[in-house]
PDB file of N, CA and C in Angstrom:
ATOM      1  N   MET A   1     -32.775 -11.690  36.886  1.00  0.00           N
ATOM      2  CA  MET A   1     -34.359 -11.770  37.509  1.00  0.00           C
ATOM      3  C   MET A   1     -35.172 -10.960  38.001  1.00  0.00           C
ATOM      4  N   THR A   2     -36.288 -10.834  37.802  1.00  0.00           N
ATOM      5  CA  THR A   2     -37.358 -10.310  38.639  1.00  0.00           C
ATOM      6  C   THR A   2     -37.583 -10.691  39.772  1.00  0.00           C
ATOM      7  N   PRO A   3     -38.074  -9.763  41.115  1.00  0.00           N
ATOM      8  CA  PRO A   3     -38.211 -10.570  42.248  1.00  0.00           C
ATOM      9  C   PRO A   3     -39.420 -11.374  41.637  1.00  0.00           C
ATOM     10  N   GLU A   4     -40.780 -11.515  40.853  1.00  0.00           N
ATOM     11  CA  GLU A   4     -41.471 -12.680  40.367  1.00  0.00           C
ATOM     12  C   GLU A   4     -41.320 -13.571  39.991  1.00  0.00           C
ATOM     13  N   ASP A   5     -39.779 -13.733  39.173  1.00  0.00           N
ATOM     14  CA  ASP A   5     -39.317 -14.804  38.604  1.00  0.00           C
ATOM     15  C   ASP A   5     -38.208 -15.608  39.815  1.00  0.00           C
ATOM     16  N   ALA A   6     -37.972 -14.926  40.614  1.00  0.00           N
ATOM     17  CA  ALA A   6     -37.187 -15.662  42.181  1.00  0.00           C
ATOM     18  C   ALA A   6     -38.303 -16.321  42.420  1.00  0.00           C
ATOM     19  N   LEU A   7     -39.696 -15.514  42.539  1.00  0.00           N
ATOM     20  CA  LEU A   7     -40.568 -16.279  43.380  1.00  0.00           C
ATOM     21  C   LEU A   7     -41.339 -17.727  42.895  1.00  0.00           C
ATOM     22  N   LEU A   8     -41.036 -17.681  41.382  1.00  0.00           N
ATOM     23  CA  LEU A   8     -41.683 -18.924  40.294  1.00  0.00           C
ATOM     24  C   LEU A   8     -41.055 -20.248  40.331  1.00  0.00           C
ATOM     25  N   VAL A   9     -39.225 -19.413  40.760  1.00  0.00           N
ATOM     26  CA  VAL A   9     -38.142 -20.730  40.983  1.00  0.00           C
ATOM     27  C   VAL A   9     -38.273 -21.334  42.169  1.00  0.00           C
ATOM     28  N   GLU A  10     -38.792 -20.216  43.445  1.00  0.00           N
ATOM     29  CA  GLU A  10     -38.736 -21.028  44.677  1.00  0.00           C
ATOM     30  C   GLU A  10     -39.552 -21.979  44.352  1.00  0.00           C
ATOM     31  N   ARG A  11     -40.866 -22.223  44.109  1.00  0.00           N
ATOM     32  CA  ARG A  11     -41.994 -22.513  44.049  1.00  0.00           C
ATOM     33  C   ARG A  11     -41.801 -23.954  43.004  1.00  0.00           C
ATOM     34  N   VAL A  12     -40.981 -24.014  42.025  1.00  0.00           N
ATOM     35  CA  VAL A  12     -40.461 -24.664  40.878  1.00  0.00           C
ATOM     36  C   VAL A  12     -39.544 -25.742  41.945  1.00  0.00           C
ATOM     37  N   VAL A  13     -38.599 -25.081  42.422  1.00  0.00           N
ATOM     38  CA  VAL A  13     -37.632 -25.893  43.131  1.00  0.00           C
ATOM     39  C   VAL A  13     -38.356 -27.037  44.183  1.00  0.00           C
ATOM     40  N   SER A  14     -39.179 -26.779  45.015  1.00  0.00           N
ATOM     41  CA  SER A  14     -39.953 -28.010  45.581  1.00  0.00           C
ATOM     42  C   SER A  14     -40.111 -29.230  45.009  1.00  0.00           C
ATOM     43  N   ALA A  15     -39.979 -30.343  45.773  1.00  0.00           N
ATOM     44  CA  ALA A  15     -39.577 -31.365  45.236  1.00  0.00           C
ATOM     45  C   ALA A  15     -41.144 -31.999  45.385  1.00  0.00           C
ATOM     46  N   HIS A  16     -42.285 -31.242  45.496  1.00  0.00           N
ATOM     47  CA  HIS A  16     -43.909 -31.812  45.751  1.00  0.00           C
ATOM     48  C   HIS A  16     -44.184 -31.589  44.465  1.00  0.00           C
ATOM     49  N   ARG A  17     -44.653 -32.993  43.857  1.00  0.00           N
ATOM     50  CA  ARG A  17     -45.499 -32.870  42.181  1.00  0.00           C
ATOM     51  C   ARG A  17     -46.648 -33.046  42.593  1.00  0.00           C
ATOM     52  N   GLU A  18     -47.585 -32.390  42.160  1.00  0.00           N
ATOM     53  CA  GLU A  18     -48.736 -33.309  41.666  1.00  0.00           C
ATOM     54  C   GLU A  18     -49.337 -34.519  40.792  1.00  0.00           C
ATOM     55  N   ARG A  19     -50.156 -34.787  41.024  1.00  0.00           N
ATOM     56  CA  ARG A  19     -50.177 -36.300  40.389  1.00  0.00           C
ATOM     57  C   ARG A  19     -52.166 -36.013  39.620  1.00  0.00           C
ATOM     58  N   SER A  20     -51.931 -36.431  38.196  1.00  0.00           N
ATOM     59  CA  SER A  20     -53.297 -36.595  37.390  1.00  0.00           C
ATOM     60  C   SER A  20     -54.090 -37.918  38.304  1.00  0.00           C
ATOM     61  N   ALA A  21     -55.314 -37.834  37.580  1.00  0.00           N
ATOM     62  CA  ALA A  21     -56.057 -38.823  38.497  1.00  0.00           C
ATOM     63  C   ALA A  21     -55.547 -40.265  38.144  1.00  0.00           C
ATOM     64  N   ASP A  22     -54.567 -40.303  36.888  1.00  0.00           N
ATOM     65  CA  ASP A  22     -54.325 -41.822  36.717  1.00  0.00           C
ATOM     66  C   ASP A  22     -52.746 -42.025  37.401  1.00  0.00           C
ATOM     67  N   GLY A  23     -52.299 -40.736  37.627  1.00  0.00           N
ATOM     68  CA  GLY A  23     -51.346 -41.426  38.811  1.00  0.00           C
ATOM     69  C   GLY A  23     -50.237 -40.589  38.288  1.00  0.00           C
ATOM     70  N   ALA A  24     -50.011 -40.189  37.056  1.00  0.00           N
ATOM     71  CA  ALA A  24     -48.977 -39.183  36.354  1.00  0.00           C
ATOM     72  C   ALA A  24     -48.286 -38.293  37.068  1.00  0.00           C
ATOM     73  N   VAL A  25     -47.320 -38.223  37.279  1.00  0.00           N
ATOM     74  CA  VAL A  25     -46.405 -37.269  37.729  1.00  0.00           C
ATOM     75  C   VAL A  25     -46.674 -35.672  36.968  1.00  0.00           C
ATOM     76  N   LYS A  26     -47.574 -34.825  37.371  1.00  0.00           N
ATOM     77  CA  LYS A  26     -47.444 -33.496  36.328  1.00  0.00           C
ATOM     78  C   LYS A  26     -46.181 -32.321  36.917  1.00  0.00           C
ATOM     79  N   SER A  27     -45.780 -31.864  35.826  1.00  0.00           N
ATOM     80  CA  SER A  27     -45.042 -30.796  36.026  1.00  0.00           C
ATOM     81  C   SER A  27     -45.623 -29.419  36.918  1.00  0.00           C
ATOM     82  N   HIS A  28     -44.472 -28.583  37.427  1.00  0.00           N
ATOM     83  CA  HIS A  28     -45.233 -27.739  38.648  1.00  0.00           C
ATOM     84  C   HIS A  28     -46.035 -26.751  37.695  1.00  0.00           C
ATOM     85  N   PRO A  29     -46.887 -26.341  37.869  1.00  0.00           N
ATOM     86  CA  PRO A  29     -47.753 -25.521  37.278  1.00  0.00           C
ATOM     87  C   PRO A  29     -46.725 -23.997  36.545  1.00  0.00           C
ATOM     88  N   ASN A  30     -45.938 -23.493  37.589  1.00  0.00           N
ATOM     89  CA  ASN A  30     -44.810 -22.344  37.728  1.00  0.00           C
ATOM     90  C   ASN A  30     -44.060 -22.596  36.640  1.00  0.00           C
ATOM     91  N   TRP A  31     -43.847 -23.564  36.518  1.00  0.00           N
ATOM     92  CA  TRP A  31     -41.966 -24.138  35.287  1.00  0.00           C
ATOM     93  C   TRP A  31     -42.931 -23.317  34.159  1.00  0.00           C
ATOM     94  N   HIS A  32     -43.980 -23.124  33.801  1.00  0.00           N
ATOM     95  CA  HIS A  32     -44.560 -22.770  32.253  1.00  0.00           C
ATOM     96  C   HIS A  32     -44.255 -21.576  32.361  1.00  0.00           C
ATOM     97  N   ASP A  33     -44.262 -21.037  33.377  1.00  0.00           N
ATOM     98  CA  ASP A  33     -44.830 -19.967  33.584  1.00  0.00           C
ATOM     99  C   ASP A  33     -43.291 -18.656  33.438  1.00  0.00           C
ATOM    100  N   LEU A  34     -41.736 -20.074  33.862  1.00  0.00           N
ATOM    101  CA  LEU A  34     -40.547 -19.305  33.192  1.00  0.00           C
ATOM    102  C   LEU A  34     -39.960 -19.309  32.234  1.00  0.00           C
ATOM    103  N   ASP A  35     -39.650 -18.040  31.927  1.00  0.00           N
ATOM    104  CA  ASP A  35     -38.892 -18.073  30.216  1.00  0.00           C
ATOM    105  C   ASP A  35     -37.433 -18.955  30.857  1.00  0.00           C
ATOM    106  N   THR A  36     -36.533 -19.106  29.468  1.00  0.00           N
ATOM    107  CA  THR A  36     -35.537 -20.281  29.662  1.00  0.00           C
ATOM    108  C   THR A  36     -34.820 -19.674  30.739  1.00  0.00           C
ATOM    109  N   GLU A  37     -33.832 -18.473  30.729  1.00  0.00           N
ATOM    110  CA  GLU A  37     -33.108 -18.141  32.058  1.00  0.00           C
ATOM    111  C   GLU A  37     -33.900 -18.637  33.276  1.00  0.00           C
ATOM    112  N   GLY A  38     -34.932 -18.289  33.484  1.00  0.00           N
ATOM    113  CA  GLY A  38     -35.761 -19.034  34.597  1.00  0.00           C
ATOM    114  C   GLY A  38     -35.753 -20.395  35.066  1.00  0.00           C
ATOM    115  N   ARG A  39     -35.890 -20.900  34.106  1.00  0.00           N
ATOM    116  CA  ARG A  39     -35.758 -22.414  34.091  1.00  0.00           C
ATOM    117  C   ARG A  39     -34.272 -22.638  34.004  1.00  0.00           C
ATOM    118  N   GLN A  40     -33.317 -22.336  33.944  1.00  0.00           N
ATOM    119  CA  GLN A  40     -32.150 -22.849  33.995  1.00  0.00           C
ATOM    120  C   GLN A  40     -31.831 -22.799  35.746  1.00  0.00           C
ATOM    121  N   ALA A  41     -32.141 -21.517  36.375  1.00  0.00           N
ATOM    122  CA  ALA A  41     -32.211 -20.822  37.606  1.00  0.00           C
ATOM    123  C   ALA A  41     -32.729 -21.636  37.864  1.00  0.00           C
ATOM    124  N   ALA A  42     -34.477 -22.700  37.725  1.00  0.00           N
ATOM    125  CA  ALA A  42     -34.945 -23.477  38.604  1.00  0.00           C
ATOM    126  C   ALA A  42     -34.093 -24.902  38.572  1.00  0.00           C
ATOM    127  N   PHE A  43     -33.414 -25.018  37.896  1.00  0.00           N
ATOM    128  CA  PHE A  43     -32.488 -26.541  37.443  1.00  0.00           C
ATOM    129  C   PHE A  43     -31.147 -26.082  38.788  1.00  0.00           C
ATOM    130  N   ASP A  44     -30.280 -25.225  38.314  1.00  0.00           N
ATOM    131  CA  ASP A  44     -29.250 -24.955  38.375  1.00  0.00           C
ATOM    132  C   ASP A  44     -29.917 -25.099  40.366  1.00  0.00           C
ATOM    133  N   GLU A  45     -30.413 -24.543  41.093  1.00  0.00           N
ATOM    134  CA  GLU A  45     -31.174 -24.586  42.280  1.00  0.00           C
ATOM    135  C   GLU A  45     -31.429 -26.157  43.132  1.00  0.00           C
ATOM    136  N   THR A  46     -32.533 -26.232  41.741  1.00  0.00           N
ATOM    137  CA  THR A  46     -32.726 -28.053  42.300  1.00  0.00           C
ATOM    138  C   THR A  46     -32.330 -28.351  42.657  1.00  0.00           C
ATOM    139  N   VAL A  47     -31.271 -28.727  41.651  1.00  0.00           N
ATOM    140  CA  VAL A  47     -29.216 -29.760  42.146  1.00  0.00           C
ATOM    141  C   VAL A  47     -28.668 -29.311  42.852  1.00  0.00           C
ATOM    142  N   ARG A  48     -28.366 -27.552  43.557  1.00  0.00           N
ATOM    143  CA  ARG A  48     -27.874 -27.210  44.733  1.00  0.00           C
ATOM    144  C   ARG A  48     -28.891 -27.846  45.756  1.00  0.00           C
ATOM    145  N   GLN A  49     -30.144 -27.524  46.119  1.00  0.00           N
ATOM    146  CA  GLN A  49     -30.695 -28.091  46.929  1.00  0.00           C
ATOM    147  C   GLN A  49     -31.166 -29.498  47.462  1.00  0.00           C
ATOM    148  N   ARG A  50     -30.407 -30.431  46.862  1.00  0.00           N
ATOM    149  CA  ARG A  50     -30.919 -31.603  46.302  1.00  0.00           C
ATOM    150  C   ARG A  50     -29.559 -32.691  47.253  1.00  0.00           C
ATOM    151  N   THR A  51     -28.756 -31.949  46.248  1.00  0.00           N
ATOM    152  CA  THR A  51     -27.055 -32.336  46.986  1.00  0.00           C
ATOM    153  C   THR A  51     -27.082 -31.603  48.365  1.00  0.00           C
ATOM    154  N   ILE A  52     -27.648 -30.924  49.063  1.00  0.00           N
ATOM    155  CA  ILE A  52     -27.208 -30.624  50.366  1.00  0.00           C
ATOM    156  C   ILE A  52     -28.205 -31.259  51.346  1.00  0.00           C
ATOM    157  N   GLU A  53     -29.270 -31.703  50.175  1.00  0.00           N
ATOM    158  CA  GLU A  53     -30.319 -32.669  51.313  1.00  0.00           C
ATOM    159  C   GLU A  53     -29.551 -34.415  51.278  1.00  0.00           C
ATOM    160  N   ARG A  54     -28.618 -34.761  50.015  1.00  0.00           N
ATOM    161  CA  ARG A  54     -28.129 -35.865  49.871  1.00  0.00           C
ATOM    162  C   ARG A  54     -26.971 -35.456  51.326  1.00  0.00           C
ATOM    163  N   GLY A  55     -26.331 -34.618  51.105  1.00  0.00           N
ATOM    164  CA  GLY A  55     -25.089 -34.635  52.285  1.00  0.00           C
ATOM    165  C   GLY A  55     -25.478 -34.720  53.987  1.00  0.00           C
ATOM    166  N   ILE A  56     -26.884 -33.886  53.907  1.00  0.00           N
ATOM    167  CA  ILE A  56     -27.135 -34.007  55.292  1.00  0.00           C
ATOM    168  C   ILE A  56     -28.823 -35.161  55.966  1.00  0.00           C
ATOM    169  N   ASP A  57     -28.820 -36.077  55.205  1.00  0.00           N
ATOM    170  CA  ASP A  57     -29.434 -37.183  55.194  1.00  0.00           C
ATOM    171  C   ASP A  57     -28.632 -38.442  55.448  1.00  0.00           C
ATOM    172  N   PRO A  58     -28.872 -39.238  56.398  1.00  0.00           N
ATOM    173  CA  PRO A  58     -27.887 -39.975  57.440  1.00  0.00           C
ATOM    174  C   PRO A  58     -27.781 -41.192  56.176  1.00  0.00           C
ATOM    175  N   ASP A  59     -29.095 -41.274  55.211  1.00  0.00           N
ATOM    176  CA  ASP A  59     -28.614 -42.469  54.329  1.00  0.00           C
ATOM    177  C   ASP A  59     -28.386 -41.973  52.818  1.00  0.00           C
ATOM    178  N   GLY A  60     -27.696 -40.538  52.544  1.00  0.00           N
ATOM    179  CA  GLY A  60     -27.211 -39.829  52.006  1.00  0.00           C
ATOM    180  C   GLY A  60     -28.432 -39.748  50.282  1.00  0.00           C
ATOM    181  N   GLN A  61     -30.119 -39.475  50.954  1.00  0.00           N
ATOM    182  CA  GLN A  61     -30.991 -39.628  49.813  1.00  0.00           C
ATOM    183  C   GLN A  61     -31.268 -37.692  49.696  1.00  0.00           C
ATOM    184  N   SER A  62     -31.875 -37.748  48.895  1.00  0.00           N
ATOM    185  CA  SER A  62     -32.656 -36.384  48.673  1.00  0.00           C
ATOM    186  C   SER A  62     -34.151 -36.495  48.768  1.00  0.00           C
ATOM    187  N   SER A  63     -35.104 -35.529  48.637  1.00  0.00           N
ATOM    188  CA  SER A  63     -35.924 -35.504  49.028  1.00  0.00           C
ATOM    189  C   SER A  63     -37.088 -36.173  47.504  1.00  0.00           C
ATOM    190  N   THR A  64     -36.210 -36.076  46.228  1.00  0.00           N
ATOM    191  CA  THR A  64     -36.404 -36.426  44.990  1.00  0.00           C
ATOM    192  C   THR A  64     -36.164 -38.414  45.427  1.00  0.00           C
ATOM    193  N   ILE A  65     -35.195 -38.718  45.818  1.00  0.00           N
ATOM    194  CA  ILE A  65     -35.154 -39.872  45.823  1.00  0.00           C
ATOM    195  C   ILE A  65     -35.948 -40.581  46.906  1.00  0.00           C
ATOM    196  N   LYS A  66     -35.882 -39.950  47.882  1.00  0.00           N
ATOM    197  CA  LYS A  66     -37.166 -40.723  48.800  1.00  0.00           C
ATOM    198  C   LYS A  66     -38.945 -40.719  48.057  1.00  0.00           C
ATOM    199  N   ALA A  67     -39.030 -40.210  47.279  1.00  0.00           N
ATOM    200  CA  ALA A  67     -40.127 -39.704  46.973  1.00  0.00           C
ATOM    201  C   ALA A  67     -40.380 -41.084  45.650  1.00  0.00           C
ATOM    202  N   VAL A  68     -39.264 -41.163  44.939  1.00  0.00           N
ATOM    203  CA  VAL A  68     -39.124 -41.762  43.864  1.00  0.00           C
ATOM    204  C   VAL A  68     -39.398 -43.609  44.260  1.00  0.00           C
ATOM    205  N   LEU A  69     -38.369 -43.457  45.695  1.00  0.00           N
ATOM    206  CA  LEU A  69     -38.227 -45.198  46.529  1.00  0.00           C
ATOM    207  C   LEU A  69     -39.528 -45.224  47.020  1.00  0.00           C
ATOM    208  N   ALA A  70     -40.359 -44.092  47.826  1.00  0.00           N
ATOM    209  CA  ALA A  70     -41.955 -44.584  48.259  1.00  0.00           C
ATOM    210  C   ALA A  70     -42.277 -45.264  47.055  1.00  0.00           C
ATOM    211  N   ARG A  71     -42.830 -44.958  45.916  1.00  0.00           N
ATOM    212  CA  ARG A  71     -43.357 -44.721  45.346  1.00  0.00           C
ATOM    213  C   ARG A  71     -43.314 -46.153  44.128  1.00  0.00           C
ATOM    214  N   LEU A  72     -41.889 -46.769  44.090  1.00  0.00           N
ATOM    215  CA  LEU A  72     -41.570 -47.842  44.182  1.00  0.00           C
ATOM    216  C   LEU A  72     -42.202 -49.316  44.903  1.00  0.00           C
ATOM    217  N   ARG A  73     -42.105 -48.987  45.705  1.00  0.00           N
ATOM    218  CA  ARG A  73     -42.565 -49.717  47.361  1.00  0.00           C
ATOM    219  C   ARG A  73     -43.846 -50.308  47.787  1.00  0.00           C
TER     220      ARG A  73
END
């Protein structure tokens, strides 16, 4: 993986997602710049990071879980 691809993966792994005017969650723009290997790397890193987040959170929630629950409430 090139350093440029590694930077794209790092950006994609963030839990932050922009929303459209109607509130729909958008995919991260850099997702579309990754090839198949880069997308798999982003998925694997996301799973690893969310597992760590759940492990250190007192309620066992990752940033993704918190974002979903905030939208439901």
